[in-house]
Amino acid sequence: MGNGIVKPDPERMRALNEFPPPNGYKSLRRVLGIFAHYAKWIGHFADKVRPLTEAKNFPLSGDALNSFKLLKSELANVVLHSIDELAPFVVECDACECGQVSQHRQVFAGQSPRAKTLNQV
């Protein structure tokens, strides 16, 4: 942690880096659960995890193995930024019959605000 940036401790990330690819359906479900828990920290998570969710053969190979390695790498390299008073804030909102949700976030250099269309319920 420093200069408004929080990064994972490399020592604590060692277990993730050494985590082996799933070798069956039970271990695949476990791995998918772990990745899903951290999905909010991984951009375009659904696209990146899709080959892994479609895996039918073990040991993993091809796109499924690459997906596993990519997700591990993304988790190990997550960086959080503290609030920058000078950076613009983006407010994203959505609502349905049972509630509403909003999210406040900042746009940093090199990022573009995500544009989403709100769907009618």
N, C-alpha and C. Protein backbone atom coordinates (compact mmCIF):
# COMPACT_ATOMS: atom_id res chain seq x y z
N MET A 1 0.85 -1.17 0.00
CA MET A 1 0.00 0.00 0.00
C MET A 1 0.89 1.23 0.00
N GLY A 2 0.57 2.17 -0.84
CA GLY A 2 1.32 3.41 -0.89
C GLY A 2 0.89 4.24 -2.08
N ASN A 3 1.02 5.55 -1.95
CA ASN A 3 0.65 6.48 -3.01
C ASN A 3 -0.79 6.29 -3.47
N GLY A 4 -1.70 5.96 -2.55
CA GLY A 4 -3.11 5.80 -2.89
C GLY A 4 -3.43 4.52 -3.61
N ILE A 5 -2.51 3.56 -3.63
CA ILE A 5 -2.72 2.29 -4.33
C ILE A 5 -2.58 1.15 -3.33
N VAL A 6 -3.51 0.19 -3.42
CA VAL A 6 -3.47 -1.01 -2.59
C VAL A 6 -3.31 -2.20 -3.53
N LYS A 7 -2.25 -2.99 -3.30
CA LYS A 7 -1.99 -4.18 -4.10
C LYS A 7 -1.94 -5.40 -3.18
N PRO A 8 -2.21 -6.59 -3.73
CA PRO A 8 -2.11 -7.79 -2.89
C PRO A 8 -0.67 -8.04 -2.43
N ASP A 9 -0.54 -8.61 -1.25
CA ASP A 9 0.76 -8.98 -0.71
C ASP A 9 1.26 -10.20 -1.49
N PRO A 10 2.42 -10.10 -2.15
CA PRO A 10 2.92 -11.22 -2.96
C PRO A 10 3.04 -12.52 -2.16
N GLU A 11 3.38 -12.43 -0.89
CA GLU A 11 3.51 -13.63 -0.06
C GLU A 11 2.15 -14.33 0.09
N ARG A 12 1.10 -13.55 0.26
CA ARG A 12 -0.24 -14.13 0.39
C ARG A 12 -0.77 -14.64 -0.95
N MET A 13 -0.24 -14.14 -2.03
CA MET A 13 -0.68 -14.56 -3.37
C MET A 13 0.01 -15.85 -3.82
N ARG A 14 1.01 -16.28 -3.07
CA ARG A 14 1.75 -17.49 -3.46
C ARG A 14 0.82 -18.70 -3.56
N ALA A 15 -0.10 -18.84 -2.61
CA ALA A 15 -1.03 -19.98 -2.64
C ALA A 15 -1.88 -19.95 -3.92
N LEU A 16 -2.33 -18.77 -4.32
CA LEU A 16 -3.11 -18.65 -5.54
C LEU A 16 -2.25 -19.00 -6.77
N ASN A 17 -1.04 -18.48 -6.79
CA ASN A 17 -0.16 -18.74 -7.93
C ASN A 17 0.19 -20.22 -8.07
N GLU A 18 0.25 -20.94 -6.97
CA GLU A 18 0.60 -22.35 -6.99
C GLU A 18 -0.62 -23.26 -7.09
N PHE A 19 -1.81 -22.68 -7.11
CA PHE A 19 -3.05 -23.45 -7.16
C PHE A 19 -3.11 -24.21 -8.48
N PRO A 20 -3.26 -25.55 -8.44
CA PRO A 20 -3.25 -26.34 -9.68
C PRO A 20 -4.58 -26.23 -10.43
N PRO A 21 -4.56 -26.47 -11.72
CA PRO A 21 -5.80 -26.49 -12.49
C PRO A 21 -6.72 -27.61 -11.99
N PRO A 22 -8.02 -27.44 -12.13
CA PRO A 22 -8.95 -28.50 -11.70
C PRO A 22 -8.71 -29.79 -12.48
N ASN A 23 -8.90 -30.92 -11.80
CA ASN A 23 -8.66 -32.21 -12.45
C ASN A 23 -9.93 -33.05 -12.55
N GLY A 24 -11.08 -32.43 -12.24
CA GLY A 24 -12.37 -33.12 -12.33
C GLY A 24 -13.48 -32.12 -12.10
N TYR A 25 -14.73 -32.60 -12.23
CA TYR A 25 -15.86 -31.68 -12.09
C TYR A 25 -15.98 -31.08 -10.69
N LYS A 26 -15.68 -31.87 -9.67
CA LYS A 26 -15.79 -31.36 -8.30
C LYS A 26 -14.78 -30.24 -8.06
N SER A 27 -13.55 -30.42 -8.47
CA SER A 27 -12.55 -29.36 -8.29
C SER A 27 -12.83 -28.19 -9.23
N LEU A 28 -13.42 -28.43 -10.39
CA LEU A 28 -13.79 -27.34 -11.30
C LEU A 28 -14.86 -26.47 -10.65
N ARG A 29 -15.87 -27.07 -10.02
CA ARG A 29 -16.91 -26.29 -9.34
C ARG A 29 -16.30 -25.46 -8.20
N ARG A 30 -15.35 -26.04 -7.49
CA ARG A 30 -14.68 -25.32 -6.40
C ARG A 30 -13.93 -24.09 -6.94
N VAL A 31 -13.19 -24.29 -8.04
CA VAL A 31 -12.42 -23.21 -8.65
C VAL A 31 -13.35 -22.13 -9.18
N LEU A 32 -14.44 -22.54 -9.83
CA LEU A 32 -15.40 -21.55 -10.35
C LEU A 32 -16.02 -20.75 -9.21
N GLY A 33 -16.26 -21.39 -8.08
CA GLY A 33 -16.79 -20.68 -6.92
C GLY A 33 -15.81 -19.65 -6.38
N ILE A 34 -14.54 -20.02 -6.34
CA ILE A 34 -13.51 -19.08 -5.87
C ILE A 34 -13.44 -17.88 -6.80
N PHE A 35 -13.37 -18.14 -8.11
CA PHE A 35 -13.29 -17.04 -9.07
C PHE A 35 -14.55 -16.18 -9.03
N ALA A 36 -15.71 -16.81 -8.91
CA ALA A 36 -16.97 -16.05 -8.88
C ALA A 36 -17.02 -15.13 -7.67
N HIS A 37 -16.45 -15.57 -6.55
CA HIS A 37 -16.43 -14.73 -5.35
C HIS A 37 -15.68 -13.42 -5.61
N TYR A 38 -14.65 -13.47 -6.42
CA TYR A 38 -13.84 -12.29 -6.73
C TYR A 38 -14.18 -11.66 -8.08
N ALA A 39 -15.30 -12.04 -8.67
CA ALA A 39 -15.67 -11.57 -10.01
C ALA A 39 -15.72 -10.05 -10.12
N LYS A 40 -16.11 -9.38 -9.04
CA LYS A 40 -16.23 -7.92 -9.12
C LYS A 40 -14.88 -7.23 -9.31
N TRP A 41 -13.79 -7.94 -9.07
CA TRP A 41 -12.46 -7.35 -9.24
C TRP A 41 -11.86 -7.66 -10.61
N ILE A 42 -12.55 -8.48 -11.39
CA ILE A 42 -12.02 -8.90 -12.69
C ILE A 42 -12.90 -8.34 -13.80
N GLY A 43 -12.34 -7.45 -14.60
CA GLY A 43 -13.09 -6.87 -15.71
C GLY A 43 -13.48 -7.93 -16.73
N HIS A 44 -14.68 -7.81 -17.27
CA HIS A 44 -15.20 -8.73 -18.28
C HIS A 44 -15.11 -10.18 -17.82
N PHE A 45 -15.47 -10.38 -16.54
CA PHE A 45 -15.35 -11.69 -15.91
C PHE A 45 -16.07 -12.79 -16.70
N ALA A 46 -17.30 -12.52 -17.12
CA ALA A 46 -18.09 -13.55 -17.80
C ALA A 46 -17.39 -14.04 -19.07
N ASP A 47 -16.79 -13.13 -19.82
CA ASP A 47 -16.08 -13.52 -21.04
C ASP A 47 -14.84 -14.35 -20.72
N LYS A 48 -14.16 -13.99 -19.65
CA LYS A 48 -12.91 -14.67 -19.30
C LYS A 48 -13.15 -16.05 -18.69
N VAL A 49 -14.26 -16.23 -17.99
CA VAL A 49 -14.52 -17.51 -17.32
C VAL A 49 -15.26 -18.50 -18.22
N ARG A 50 -15.86 -18.02 -19.31
CA ARG A 50 -16.68 -18.88 -20.17
C ARG A 50 -15.97 -20.17 -20.61
N PRO A 51 -14.74 -20.11 -21.13
CA PRO A 51 -14.11 -21.38 -21.55
C PRO A 51 -13.95 -22.37 -20.39
N LEU A 52 -13.77 -21.85 -19.20
CA LEU A 52 -13.62 -22.72 -18.03
C LEU A 52 -14.96 -23.36 -17.67
N THR A 53 -16.05 -22.60 -17.80
CA THR A 53 -17.37 -23.16 -17.48
C THR A 53 -17.82 -24.19 -18.50
N GLU A 54 -17.25 -24.12 -19.70
CA GLU A 54 -17.62 -25.06 -20.76
C GLU A 54 -16.70 -26.27 -20.82
N ALA A 55 -15.76 -26.37 -19.89
CA ALA A 55 -14.80 -27.48 -19.89
C ALA A 55 -15.51 -28.82 -19.68
N LYS A 56 -15.17 -29.78 -20.50
CA LYS A 56 -15.77 -31.12 -20.42
C LYS A 56 -14.73 -32.21 -20.20
N ASN A 57 -13.47 -31.91 -20.54
CA ASN A 57 -12.41 -32.91 -20.46
C ASN A 57 -11.34 -32.49 -19.46
N PHE A 58 -10.78 -33.50 -18.78
CA PHE A 58 -9.72 -33.25 -17.81
C PHE A 58 -8.57 -34.19 -18.12
N PRO A 59 -7.33 -33.74 -17.94
CA PRO A 59 -6.92 -32.43 -17.47
C PRO A 59 -7.28 -31.34 -18.49
N LEU A 60 -7.41 -30.12 -17.98
CA LEU A 60 -7.78 -29.00 -18.84
C LEU A 60 -6.74 -28.77 -19.92
N SER A 61 -7.20 -28.30 -21.05
CA SER A 61 -6.28 -27.94 -22.13
C SER A 61 -6.89 -26.80 -22.93
N GLY A 62 -6.10 -26.21 -23.79
CA GLY A 62 -6.59 -25.18 -24.71
C GLY A 62 -7.15 -23.96 -24.02
N ASP A 63 -8.32 -23.54 -24.49
CA ASP A 63 -8.94 -22.32 -23.98
C ASP A 63 -9.28 -22.40 -22.50
N ALA A 64 -9.71 -23.57 -22.03
CA ALA A 64 -10.07 -23.71 -20.62
C ALA A 64 -8.85 -23.51 -19.72
N LEU A 65 -7.73 -24.09 -20.09
CA LEU A 65 -6.51 -23.92 -19.29
C LEU A 65 -6.03 -22.48 -19.35
N ASN A 66 -6.11 -21.86 -20.52
CA ASN A 66 -5.73 -20.45 -20.64
C ASN A 66 -6.63 -19.56 -19.81
N SER A 67 -7.92 -19.87 -19.77
CA SER A 67 -8.86 -19.11 -18.95
C SER A 67 -8.50 -19.21 -17.47
N PHE A 68 -8.18 -20.42 -17.02
CA PHE A 68 -7.79 -20.64 -15.62
C PHE A 68 -6.55 -19.80 -15.27
N LYS A 69 -5.55 -19.86 -16.15
CA LYS A 69 -4.31 -19.11 -15.90
C LYS A 69 -4.56 -17.61 -15.93
N LEU A 70 -5.39 -17.14 -16.85
CA LEU A 70 -5.71 -15.71 -16.95
C LEU A 70 -6.42 -15.21 -15.70
N LEU A 71 -7.40 -15.96 -15.22
CA LEU A 71 -8.14 -15.54 -14.03
C LEU A 71 -7.24 -15.50 -12.80
N LYS A 72 -6.35 -16.49 -12.66
CA LYS A 72 -5.40 -16.46 -11.55
C LYS A 72 -4.51 -15.23 -11.64
N SER A 73 -4.03 -14.93 -12.81
CA SER A 73 -3.16 -13.77 -13.02
C SER A 73 -3.89 -12.47 -12.71
N GLU A 74 -5.13 -12.36 -13.16
CA GLU A 74 -5.90 -11.14 -12.91
C GLU A 74 -6.11 -10.92 -11.42
N LEU A 75 -6.42 -12.00 -10.68
CA LEU A 75 -6.61 -11.86 -9.24
C LEU A 75 -5.31 -11.47 -8.55
N ALA A 76 -4.20 -12.02 -8.99
CA ALA A 76 -2.92 -11.72 -8.36
C ALA A 76 -2.47 -10.29 -8.63
N ASN A 77 -3.00 -9.67 -9.67
CA ASN A 77 -2.56 -8.33 -10.05
C ASN A 77 -3.60 -7.24 -9.84
N VAL A 78 -4.59 -7.52 -9.01
CA VAL A 78 -5.63 -6.52 -8.72
C VAL A 78 -4.99 -5.31 -8.05
N VAL A 79 -5.40 -4.12 -8.47
CA VAL A 79 -4.92 -2.89 -7.86
C VAL A 79 -6.12 -2.03 -7.51
N LEU A 80 -6.19 -1.59 -6.28
CA LEU A 80 -7.26 -0.69 -5.84
C LEU A 80 -6.69 0.70 -5.65
N HIS A 81 -7.45 1.69 -6.05
CA HIS A 81 -7.03 3.08 -5.91
C HIS A 81 -7.89 3.76 -4.85
N SER A 82 -7.26 4.63 -4.07
CA SER A 82 -8.05 5.42 -3.13
C SER A 82 -8.72 6.55 -3.91
N ILE A 83 -9.65 7.22 -3.28
CA ILE A 83 -10.40 8.30 -3.94
C ILE A 83 -9.47 9.44 -4.30
N ASP A 84 -9.58 9.89 -5.52
CA ASP A 84 -8.84 11.05 -6.01
C ASP A 84 -9.84 12.18 -6.15
N GLU A 85 -9.69 13.18 -5.34
CA GLU A 85 -10.64 14.30 -5.32
C GLU A 85 -10.72 15.03 -6.65
N LEU A 86 -9.69 14.94 -7.48
CA LEU A 86 -9.68 15.66 -8.75
C LEU A 86 -10.23 14.83 -9.91
N ALA A 87 -10.33 13.51 -9.75
CA ALA A 87 -10.84 12.65 -10.82
C ALA A 87 -12.36 12.69 -10.82
N PRO A 88 -12.99 12.61 -11.99
CA PRO A 88 -14.46 12.65 -12.04
C PRO A 88 -15.07 11.38 -11.47
N PHE A 89 -16.27 11.54 -10.91
CA PHE A 89 -17.05 10.41 -10.42
C PHE A 89 -18.11 10.05 -11.45
N VAL A 90 -18.41 8.77 -11.54
CA VAL A 90 -19.47 8.29 -12.42
C VAL A 90 -20.51 7.63 -11.52
N VAL A 91 -21.77 7.97 -11.72
CA VAL A 91 -22.85 7.35 -10.96
C VAL A 91 -23.62 6.46 -11.91
N GLU A 92 -23.72 5.17 -11.58
CA GLU A 92 -24.46 4.21 -12.38
C GLU A 92 -25.66 3.76 -11.57
N CYS A 93 -26.83 3.78 -12.18
CA CYS A 93 -28.06 3.42 -11.47
C CYS A 93 -28.87 2.43 -12.28
N ASP A 94 -29.65 1.63 -11.58
CA ASP A 94 -30.59 0.72 -12.22
C ASP A 94 -31.71 0.46 -11.22
N ALA A 95 -32.88 0.15 -11.72
CA ALA A 95 -34.02 -0.08 -10.84
C ALA A 95 -34.94 -1.13 -11.46
N CYS A 96 -35.71 -1.78 -10.60
CA CYS A 96 -36.72 -2.72 -11.04
C CYS A 96 -37.88 -2.63 -10.06
N GLU A 97 -38.86 -3.52 -10.20
CA GLU A 97 -40.03 -3.47 -9.33
C GLU A 97 -39.69 -3.73 -7.87
N CYS A 98 -38.61 -4.46 -7.61
CA CYS A 98 -38.31 -4.84 -6.23
C CYS A 98 -37.21 -4.00 -5.59
N GLY A 99 -36.64 -3.05 -6.30
CA GLY A 99 -35.61 -2.22 -5.66
C GLY A 99 -34.80 -1.44 -6.67
N GLN A 100 -33.79 -0.78 -6.16
CA GLN A 100 -32.90 -0.03 -7.02
C GLN A 100 -31.48 -0.12 -6.48
N VAL A 101 -30.53 0.13 -7.33
CA VAL A 101 -29.14 0.07 -6.92
C VAL A 101 -28.39 1.18 -7.63
N SER A 102 -27.40 1.71 -6.95
CA SER A 102 -26.53 2.70 -7.60
C SER A 102 -25.10 2.41 -7.17
N GLN A 103 -24.18 2.84 -8.02
CA GLN A 103 -22.77 2.63 -7.76
C GLN A 103 -22.04 3.92 -8.09
N HIS A 104 -21.18 4.34 -7.20
CA HIS A 104 -20.34 5.50 -7.45
C HIS A 104 -18.93 5.00 -7.68
N ARG A 105 -18.32 5.45 -8.74
CA ARG A 105 -16.94 5.04 -8.99
C ARG A 105 -16.22 6.17 -9.70
N GLN A 106 -14.92 6.06 -9.74
CA GLN A 106 -14.11 7.08 -10.39
C GLN A 106 -13.51 6.54 -11.67
N VAL A 107 -13.27 7.45 -12.58
CA VAL A 107 -12.62 7.12 -13.84
C VAL A 107 -11.19 7.62 -13.73
N PHE A 108 -10.23 6.71 -13.89
CA PHE A 108 -8.82 7.06 -13.79
C PHE A 108 -8.20 7.16 -15.17
N ALA A 109 -7.03 7.70 -15.25
CA ALA A 109 -6.32 7.85 -16.52
C ALA A 109 -6.24 6.51 -17.23
N GLY A 110 -6.56 6.53 -18.51
CA GLY A 110 -6.50 5.31 -19.30
C GLY A 110 -7.78 4.51 -19.28
N GLN A 111 -8.75 4.91 -18.47
CA GLN A 111 -10.04 4.22 -18.43
C GLN A 111 -11.08 5.09 -19.11
N SER A 112 -12.11 4.45 -19.60
CA SER A 112 -13.23 5.20 -20.14
C SER A 112 -14.47 4.80 -19.37
N PRO A 113 -15.39 5.73 -19.15
CA PRO A 113 -16.61 5.38 -18.43
C PRO A 113 -17.39 4.33 -19.22
N ARG A 114 -17.94 3.36 -18.50
CA ARG A 114 -18.77 2.35 -19.16
C ARG A 114 -20.14 2.94 -19.43
N ALA A 115 -20.60 2.79 -20.62
CA ALA A 115 -21.95 3.25 -20.96
C ALA A 115 -22.87 2.05 -20.97
N LYS A 116 -23.95 2.11 -20.22
CA LYS A 116 -24.91 1.02 -20.17
C LYS A 116 -26.29 1.57 -20.44
N THR A 117 -27.07 0.79 -21.11
CA THR A 117 -28.46 1.14 -21.33
C THR A 117 -29.28 0.44 -20.27
N LEU A 118 -30.17 1.17 -19.62
CA LEU A 118 -31.04 0.56 -18.63
C LEU A 118 -32.20 -0.09 -19.36
N ASN A 119 -32.44 -1.35 -19.09
CA ASN A 119 -33.51 -2.08 -19.74
C ASN A 119 -34.82 -1.88 -18.99
N GLN A 120 -35.91 -1.87 -19.71
CA GLN A 120 -37.22 -1.77 -19.07
C GLN A 120 -37.61 -3.13 -18.52
N VAL A 121 -38.29 -3.11 -17.37
CA VAL A 121 -38.74 -4.36 -16.75
C VAL A 121 -40.15 -4.63 -17.15
